[in-house]
Structures are given as C-alpha cells and as structure tokens.
C-alpha atoms as a PDB file:
ATOM      1  CA  MET A   1      87.135  36.999 145.582  1.00  0.00           C
ATOM      2  CA  ASN A   2      86.932  35.496 142.227  1.00  0.00           C
ATOM      3  CA  THR A   3      83.295  37.098 141.287  1.00  0.00           C
ATOM      4  CA  GLU A   4      83.331  35.530 138.243  1.00  0.00           C
ATOM      5  CA  LYS A   5      83.774  31.715 139.878  1.00  0.00           C
ATOM      6  CA  PHE A   6      81.551  32.640 142.272  1.00  0.00           C
ATOM      7  CA  THR A   7      78.814  34.096 139.168  1.00  0.00           C
ATOM      8  CA  TYR A   8      79.087  30.410 137.980  1.00  0.00           C
ATOM      9  CA  ASN A   9      78.453  28.953 140.456  1.00  0.00           C
ATOM     10  CA  TYR A  10      74.682  29.837 140.824  1.00  0.00           C
ATOM     11  CA  ILE A  11      74.419  29.531 136.757  1.00  0.00           C
ATOM     12  CA  ASP A  12      75.534  25.735 136.826  1.00  0.00           C
ATOM     13  CA  LEU A  13      73.201  25.575 139.554  1.00  0.00           C
ATOM     14  CA  ILE A  14      70.048  26.900 137.923  1.00  0.00           C
ATOM     15  CA  LYS A  15      71.064  24.910 135.093  1.00  0.00           C
ATOM     16  CA  GLN A  16      71.177  21.655 136.365  1.00  0.00           C
ATOM     17  CA  THR A  17      68.000  21.959 139.143  1.00  0.00           C
ATOM     18  CA  MET A  18      66.346  23.013 135.956  1.00  0.00           C
ATOM     19  CA  ALA A  19      67.467  19.502 134.007  1.00  0.00           C
ATOM     20  CA  GLU A  20      67.247  17.416 136.238  1.00  0.00           C
ATOM     21  CA  ARG A  21      62.772  18.630 136.813  1.00  0.00           C
ATOM     22  CA  SER A  22      62.470  19.036 133.449  1.00  0.00           C
ATOM     23  CA  LEU A  23      61.753  22.911 133.742  1.00  0.00           C
ATOM     24  CA  SER A  24      61.364  25.312 131.079  1.00  0.00           C
ATOM     25  CA  GLN A  25      62.535  28.795 131.557  1.00  0.00           C
ATOM     26  CA  GLN A  26      59.216  29.811 131.709  1.00  0.00           C
ATOM     27  CA  ALA A  27      58.587  27.400 135.238  1.00  0.00           C
ATOM     28  CA  LEU A  28      60.541  28.267 136.650  1.00  0.00           C
ATOM     29  CA  ALA A  29      60.023  31.498 136.415  1.00  0.00           C
ATOM     30  CA  ASN A  30      56.896  30.652 137.646  1.00  0.00           C
ATOM     31  CA  ILE A  31      57.701  29.179 139.725  1.00  0.00           C
ATOM     32  CA  LEU A  32      60.130  31.826 141.997  1.00  0.00           C
ATOM     33  CA  GLY A  33      56.860  34.543 140.226  1.00  0.00           C
ATOM     34  CA  VAL A  34      59.618  36.401 138.033  1.00  0.00           C
ATOM     35  CA  ASN A  35      59.500  37.349 134.814  1.00  0.00           C
ATOM     36  CA  GLN A  36      60.979  34.177 132.538  1.00  0.00           C
ATOM     37  CA  THR A  37      63.501  36.936 130.354  1.00  0.00           C
ATOM     38  CA  THR A  38      64.530  37.177 134.437  1.00  0.00           C
ATOM     39  CA  VAL A  39      65.572  33.942 133.806  1.00  0.00           C
ATOM     40  CA  SER A  40      67.420  33.872 130.616  1.00  0.00           C
ATOM     41  CA  GLN A  41      69.343  36.928 132.008  1.00  0.00           C
ATOM     42  CA  TRP A  42      70.173  34.651 135.377  1.00  0.00           C
ATOM     43  CA  LEU A  43      71.599  32.374 132.934  1.00  0.00           C
ATOM     44  CA  LEU A  44      73.558  34.464 130.494  1.00  0.00           C
ATOM     45  CA  GLY A  45      75.421  35.733 133.367  1.00  0.00           C
ATOM     46  CA  ARG A  46      73.753  39.267 131.933  1.00  0.00           C
ATOM     47  CA  LYS A  47      71.977  39.601 135.471  1.00  0.00           C
ATOM     48  CA  LYS A  48      72.603  38.152 139.003  1.00  0.00           C
ATOM     49  CA  PRO A  49      69.661  36.934 141.171  1.00  0.00           C
ATOM     50  CA  THR A  50      67.900  39.202 144.605  1.00  0.00           C
ATOM     51  CA  TYR A  51      68.399  38.039 147.628  1.00  0.00           C
ATOM     52  CA  ASP A  52      64.004  37.143 147.657  1.00  0.00           C
ATOM     53  CA  ASN A  53      64.816  35.181 144.418  1.00  0.00           C
ATOM     54  CA  ILE A  54      68.041  33.735 145.902  1.00  0.00           C
ATOM     55  CA  TYR A  55      65.965  32.757 148.819  1.00  0.00           C
ATOM     56  CA  THR A  56      63.097  31.633 147.076  1.00  0.00           C
ATOM     57  CA  PHE A  57      65.129  29.601 144.420  1.00  0.00           C
ATOM     58  CA  CYS A  58      66.511  27.780 147.902  1.00  0.00           C
ATOM     59  CA  LYS A  59      63.456  27.082 149.726  1.00  0.00           C
ATOM     60  CA  LYS A  60      61.178  25.338 145.876  1.00  0.00           C
ATOM     61  CA  PHE A  61      64.852  23.705 145.280  1.00  0.00           C
ATOM     62  CA  ASP A  62      66.232  22.221 149.118  1.00  0.00           C
ATOM     63  CA  VAL A  63      68.882  24.326 148.402  1.00  0.00           C
ATOM     64  CA  THR A  64      71.475  26.193 150.755  1.00  0.00           C
ATOM     65  CA  PRO A  65      72.226  29.320 149.640  1.00  0.00           C
ATOM     66  CA  ASN A  66      76.577  27.952 150.189  1.00  0.00           C
ATOM     67  CA  GLU A  67      75.178  25.357 147.804  1.00  0.00           C
ATOM     68  CA  PHE A  68      73.922  27.741 145.976  1.00  0.00           C
ATOM     69  CA  PHE A  69      76.505  30.316 144.961  1.00  0.00           C
ATOM     70  CA  GLY A  70      79.509  26.887 145.574  1.00  0.00           C
ATOM     71  CA  PHE A  71      81.331  27.613 148.693  1.00  0.00           C
ATOM     72  CA  GLU A  72      81.661  24.113 150.152  1.00  0.00           C
ATOM     73  CA  CYS A  73      81.611  24.288 154.492  1.00  0.00           C
END
C-alpha cells in the first residue's frame, strides 16, 4: 500500500473542507476539540489524526471514513 498517497488524501480533504467553509486552522481546531498546532501538523503531514479525530471530523462535516481516506467503493 502506498502510504504517501494515503496521507495526502485526508490532507487534501481537510484543506478542501476548510476552504469551502472559510475555516482557519484555529476555527477547525475549535470544532474538532484539538489545538491549532495539531491541525497544522496534519496539514503538513507531520502528524496523523487519531481515530477519535477522524470520527469527529466525519460526523461534523458529514464525510464517510472512506471519503476521508480517499477510498472508492
């Protein structure tokens, strides 16, 4: 499995979600209950969201886990 492609799928989705909703890193962090630096680390690919972060993101933004990771079924 190509983990690099896997990583960028969720980074792109987070960036797209932020752009569509005009959310800053801090605003997204507040919605998800994490620090702004955590969001920054995700966007830079230095840190990956935890299961709880992914679950919260999917629920708050009506995204499936498959969409989050870029899987097509």
